[in-house]
Amino acid sequence: MVIAVPALRERRGSREAVTAEVVEEVPLVLTFNGRQIMSAMTVPGRPADLALGYLFSEQIIEGMDEVESVMVEGQAVKVLTHDPFRVVVSRRVVVSGCGGAAARIREQHLPVIATAMPLSAETIRTRVNDLLVAVPLAATGDLYAAALVMPDAVWSAEDHGLQNAVNRLIGRRLQEGAEADAWVAASGRITAEIVMTCAVAGFPVLASFGRATALAIDLAEKAGITLIGEVTGAGMIVYTHPERVVG
């Protein structure tokens, strides 16, 4: 994921040859029932997680029971469902996401989450900080990172866009059959599409080191999601549904 490249460093008039560490960026291509439906610039590794998470968050599939096979060839993923004649019609509205895989605005079909899931403020701060420590490039903004926090495990994923990172977690959850209640800790700016993704996946809490957009806050309020931004050791901003934050 991180590679070394030759570079030239300039500092106050002096120059020196150095080796710089940079993040790889590679294309992922998703084919669904024989038709290419998505391409995205992403980090290498676990492409099936991202592909399946994308299909789920876009409500193209509802679970792995609909999937006949998943074939991975490098960064190309081919998904075949039990109904091979099923096609996807693109109805995209480009929103303010990053990472090359924009979402559709589906506010009229947004689920409403009623799960209680009380969390202490200390737990929220700890999980967001742990994520930034585990993925140092997320703290500098070179990558976006997300963590799926479950009662007995914490999974993390990183990518060039936070939307892709969250979709990776959803895709892994689908494949491994994890059904426990979970919430999301994140490193970057929270946009509307990320809130919509969490709503579709049933995550009642989304907390990030970054701030939220106005549309993200509006959608989180309607979807019943506790949306939290600017999480640091000193505190946080709870934008919506503060009843889940206790202590």
Protein backbone atom coordinates (compact mmCIF):
# COMPACT_ATOMS: atom_id res chain seq x y z
CA MET A 1 0.00 0.00 0.00
CA VAL A 2 2.89 2.36 0.80
CA ILE A 3 5.82 2.40 -1.60
CA ALA A 4 9.11 4.29 -1.73
CA VAL A 5 9.89 6.62 -4.64
CA PRO A 6 12.95 8.77 -5.38
CA ALA A 7 12.39 12.47 -4.80
CA LEU A 8 14.19 15.76 -4.23
CA ARG A 9 13.81 17.64 -0.96
CA GLU A 10 14.26 21.41 -0.94
CA ARG A 11 14.83 23.13 2.39
CA ARG A 12 15.81 26.78 2.69
CA GLY A 13 17.75 26.80 -0.54
CA SER A 14 19.47 23.44 -0.10
CA ARG A 15 18.50 20.32 -1.99
CA GLU A 16 19.06 16.65 -1.35
CA ALA A 17 18.02 13.37 -2.92
CA VAL A 18 15.63 11.47 -0.67
CA THR A 19 13.32 8.49 -0.70
CA ALA A 20 9.70 9.48 -0.15
CA GLU A 21 6.94 7.16 1.04
CA VAL A 22 3.71 7.49 -0.93
CA VAL A 23 0.40 5.65 -1.01
CA GLU A 24 -0.42 3.46 -4.00
CA GLU A 25 -3.48 4.26 -6.09
CA VAL A 26 -4.92 1.59 -8.37
CA PRO A 27 -8.18 1.19 -10.31
CA LEU A 28 -10.82 -1.28 -9.18
CA VAL A 29 -13.38 -2.47 -11.73
CA LEU A 30 -16.64 -4.11 -10.65
CA THR A 31 -18.64 -6.24 -13.07
CA PHE A 32 -22.14 -7.29 -12.03
CA ASN A 33 -23.81 -10.09 -13.99
CA GLY A 34 -21.53 -9.44 -16.94
CA ARG A 35 -21.92 -5.67 -17.00
CA GLN A 36 -19.36 -3.19 -15.70
CA ILE A 37 -21.18 -0.96 -13.22
CA MET A 38 -18.44 0.76 -11.24
CA SER A 39 -14.80 1.74 -11.40
CA ALA A 40 -12.96 3.50 -8.60
CA MET A 41 -9.47 4.60 -7.72
CA THR A 42 -8.56 2.81 -4.54
CA VAL A 43 -5.74 1.26 -2.53
CA PRO A 44 -4.70 -2.30 -3.42
CA GLY A 45 -5.86 -5.28 -1.40
CA ARG A 46 -9.14 -7.03 -0.50
CA PRO A 47 -11.02 -5.76 -3.58
CA ALA A 48 -13.98 -8.09 -2.92
CA ASP A 49 -14.67 -6.28 0.37
CA LEU A 50 -15.04 -2.97 -1.44
CA ALA A 51 -17.07 -4.42 -4.32
CA LEU A 52 -19.58 -6.24 -2.12
CA GLY A 53 -19.84 -3.33 0.30
CA TYR A 54 -20.61 -1.05 -2.63
CA LEU A 55 -23.31 -3.38 -3.94
CA PHE A 56 -24.91 -3.55 -0.50
CA SER A 57 -24.76 0.16 0.31
CA GLU A 58 -26.21 0.97 -3.11
CA GLN A 59 -29.01 -1.51 -2.31
CA ILE A 60 -28.19 -3.58 -5.38
CA ILE A 61 -27.96 -6.69 -3.19
CA GLU A 62 -29.41 -7.27 0.27
CA GLY A 63 -27.07 -10.06 1.33
CA MET A 64 -24.73 -12.84 0.30
CA ASP A 65 -27.65 -15.23 -0.18
CA GLU A 66 -28.30 -13.47 -3.50
CA VAL A 67 -24.73 -14.01 -4.72
CA GLU A 68 -23.82 -17.05 -6.82
CA SER A 69 -20.10 -16.32 -7.10
CA VAL A 70 -17.41 -13.68 -6.60
CA MET A 71 -14.37 -13.86 -8.87
CA VAL A 72 -11.31 -11.71 -8.19
CA GLU A 73 -8.61 -11.17 -10.81
CA GLY A 74 -6.14 -8.62 -9.51
CA GLN A 75 -8.21 -5.49 -8.90
CA ALA A 76 -11.11 -6.69 -11.06
CA VAL A 77 -14.12 -8.18 -9.27
CA LYS A 78 -16.87 -10.10 -11.05
CA VAL A 79 -20.06 -10.73 -9.09
CA LEU A 80 -22.70 -13.13 -10.40
CA THR A 81 -26.10 -13.45 -8.73
CA HIS A 82 -28.47 -16.41 -8.79
CA ASP A 83 -30.49 -14.42 -11.34
CA PRO A 84 -27.85 -13.83 -14.05
CA PHE A 85 -30.25 -11.72 -16.12
CA ARG A 86 -30.65 -9.12 -13.41
CA VAL A 87 -29.15 -5.78 -14.47
CA VAL A 88 -28.50 -2.50 -12.74
CA VAL A 89 -29.75 0.73 -14.28
CA SER A 90 -27.57 3.70 -13.38
CA ARG A 91 -29.52 6.54 -11.76
CA ARG A 92 -26.67 8.51 -10.28
CA VAL A 93 -26.61 11.89 -8.65
CA VAL A 94 -23.02 12.85 -7.94
CA VAL A 95 -22.56 13.99 -4.35
CA SER A 96 -19.61 15.30 -2.40
CA GLY A 97 -17.76 12.04 -1.87
CA CYS A 98 -14.21 11.15 -2.78
CA GLY A 99 -12.52 8.01 -3.96
CA GLY A 100 -14.18 7.73 -7.35
CA ALA A 101 -17.33 5.80 -6.38
CA ALA A 102 -20.12 8.31 -5.86
CA ALA A 103 -23.45 7.31 -4.37
CA ARG A 104 -27.03 7.96 -5.35
CA ILE A 105 -29.14 10.20 -3.14
CA ARG A 106 -31.95 7.97 -1.86
CA GLU A 107 -33.41 10.12 0.89
CA GLN A 108 -36.95 8.91 0.21
CA HIS A 109 -35.83 5.32 0.89
CA LEU A 110 -33.61 6.08 3.87
CA PRO A 111 -34.05 3.56 6.72
CA VAL A 112 -34.76 4.89 10.20
CA ILE A 113 -32.57 3.32 12.89
CA ALA A 114 -34.14 2.82 16.32
CA THR A 115 -31.36 0.75 17.95
CA ALA A 116 -30.52 2.16 21.39
CA MET A 117 -26.76 1.38 21.62
CA PRO A 118 -25.69 3.71 24.47
CA LEU A 119 -21.98 4.61 24.30
CA SER A 120 -19.86 6.51 26.77
CA ALA A 121 -18.07 9.62 25.55
CA GLU A 122 -14.81 8.03 26.68
CA THR A 123 -15.41 4.95 24.52
CA ILE A 124 -16.06 7.12 21.48
CA ARG A 125 -12.92 9.19 22.05
CA THR A 126 -10.82 6.07 22.60
CA ARG A 127 -11.98 4.29 19.45
CA VAL A 128 -11.45 7.30 17.19
CA ASN A 129 -8.00 7.91 18.69
CA ASP A 130 -7.10 4.21 18.35
CA LEU A 131 -7.99 4.40 14.67
CA LEU A 132 -5.73 7.40 14.07
CA VAL A 133 -2.88 5.64 15.88
CA ALA A 134 -3.40 2.40 13.94
CA VAL A 135 -3.48 4.22 10.58
CA PRO A 136 -0.96 7.09 10.90
CA LEU A 137 -1.55 8.24 7.32
CA ALA A 138 -5.17 8.95 8.26
CA ALA A 139 -4.04 11.49 10.85
CA THR A 140 -2.10 13.37 8.15
CA GLY A 141 -4.93 13.16 5.60
CA ASP A 142 -2.99 10.96 3.17
CA LEU A 143 -5.59 8.22 3.64
CA TYR A 144 -9.08 7.95 5.09
CA ALA A 145 -9.74 5.28 7.68
CA ALA A 146 -12.81 3.74 9.27
CA ALA A 147 -13.32 1.18 12.01
CA LEU A 148 -16.28 -1.09 12.61
CA VAL A 149 -16.62 -1.35 16.37
CA MET A 150 -18.40 -4.49 17.56
CA PRO A 151 -18.83 -5.93 21.08
CA ASP A 152 -16.02 -8.48 20.65
CA ALA A 153 -13.93 -7.12 17.77
CA VAL A 154 -12.82 -4.00 15.93
CA TRP A 155 -12.10 -4.08 12.20
CA SER A 156 -10.41 -1.24 10.36
CA ALA A 157 -10.01 -0.32 6.71
CA GLU A 158 -8.38 2.53 4.86
CA ASP A 159 -8.70 3.98 1.38
CA HIS A 160 -8.37 7.17 -0.63
CA GLY A 161 -11.99 7.99 0.19
CA LEU A 162 -13.87 7.49 3.45
CA GLN A 163 -16.85 6.11 1.53
CA ASN A 164 -14.65 3.35 0.13
CA ALA A 165 -13.24 2.58 3.58
CA VAL A 166 -16.73 2.17 5.06
CA ASN A 167 -17.82 0.03 2.12
CA ARG A 168 -14.81 -2.22 2.71
CA LEU A 169 -16.00 -2.84 6.26
CA ILE A 170 -19.53 -3.61 5.08
CA GLY A 171 -18.23 -6.02 2.45
CA ARG A 172 -16.10 -7.85 4.98
CA ARG A 173 -19.04 -8.06 7.34
CA LEU A 174 -21.20 -9.60 4.62
CA GLN A 175 -18.62 -12.25 3.79
CA GLU A 176 -17.80 -13.18 7.37
CA GLY A 177 -21.41 -13.18 8.52
CA ALA A 178 -20.88 -10.85 11.49
CA GLU A 179 -24.33 -9.87 12.75
CA ALA A 180 -23.54 -8.16 16.06
CA ASP A 181 -24.58 -4.56 16.59
CA ALA A 182 -21.82 -2.24 15.43
CA TRP A 183 -20.97 1.43 15.03
CA VAL A 184 -18.42 3.30 12.94
CA ALA A 185 -15.41 5.38 13.95
CA ALA A 186 -13.82 7.42 11.17
CA SER A 187 -10.98 9.79 10.43
CA GLY A 188 -12.27 12.31 7.92
CA ARG A 189 -15.02 14.67 6.84
CA ILE A 190 -18.50 13.14 7.03
CA THR A 191 -20.55 13.62 3.88
CA ALA A 192 -24.15 12.78 3.06
CA GLU A 193 -23.25 9.60 1.18
CA ILE A 194 -21.40 8.19 4.20
CA VAL A 195 -24.45 8.82 6.39
CA MET A 196 -26.66 7.10 3.81
CA THR A 197 -24.31 4.13 3.72
CA CYS A 198 -24.40 3.80 7.51
CA ALA A 199 -28.20 4.04 7.45
CA VAL A 200 -28.51 1.23 4.89
CA ALA A 201 -26.08 -0.91 6.91
CA GLY A 202 -27.94 -0.21 10.16
CA PHE A 203 -25.10 1.52 12.03
CA PRO A 204 -26.70 3.77 14.68
CA VAL A 205 -23.57 5.79 15.55
CA LEU A 206 -21.00 7.44 13.29
CA ALA A 207 -18.17 9.32 15.00
CA SER A 208 -15.25 11.01 13.28
CA PHE A 209 -12.19 13.13 13.83
CA GLY A 210 -13.48 15.33 11.00
CA ARG A 211 -16.50 17.57 10.69
CA ALA A 212 -19.85 16.82 9.05
CA THR A 213 -21.48 18.64 6.16
CA ALA A 214 -24.87 20.30 6.58
CA LEU A 215 -26.59 17.71 4.38
CA ALA A 216 -24.98 14.87 6.34
CA ILE A 217 -26.39 16.31 9.56
CA ASP A 218 -29.86 16.66 8.04
CA LEU A 219 -29.88 13.07 6.78
CA ALA A 220 -28.52 11.70 10.06
CA GLU A 221 -31.33 13.40 11.96
CA LYS A 222 -33.93 11.84 9.65
CA ALA A 223 -32.28 8.40 9.71
CA GLY A 224 -32.01 8.22 13.49
CA ILE A 225 -28.19 8.18 13.44
CA THR A 226 -26.10 9.71 16.20
CA LEU A 227 -23.63 11.78 14.20
CA ILE A 228 -20.51 13.00 15.99
CA GLY A 229 -17.65 15.10 14.67
CA GLU A 230 -14.42 16.75 15.82
CA VAL A 231 -13.68 13.85 18.17
CA THR A 232 -10.45 14.51 20.07
CA GLY A 233 -9.10 13.80 23.51
CA ALA A 234 -10.60 17.10 24.64
CA GLY A 235 -14.16 16.46 23.50
CA MET A 236 -16.51 16.12 20.53
CA ILE A 237 -19.45 17.72 18.75
CA VAL A 238 -22.67 15.67 18.82
CA TYR A 239 -24.76 16.86 15.88
CA THR A 240 -27.78 14.55 16.10
CA HIS A 241 -29.52 12.14 18.48
CA PRO A 242 -27.35 12.83 21.55
CA GLU A 243 -29.37 10.41 23.68
CA ARG A 244 -26.99 7.57 22.74
CA VAL A 245 -23.97 9.38 24.23
CA VAL A 246 -23.87 8.75 27.96
CA GLY A 247 -21.45 9.59 30.74
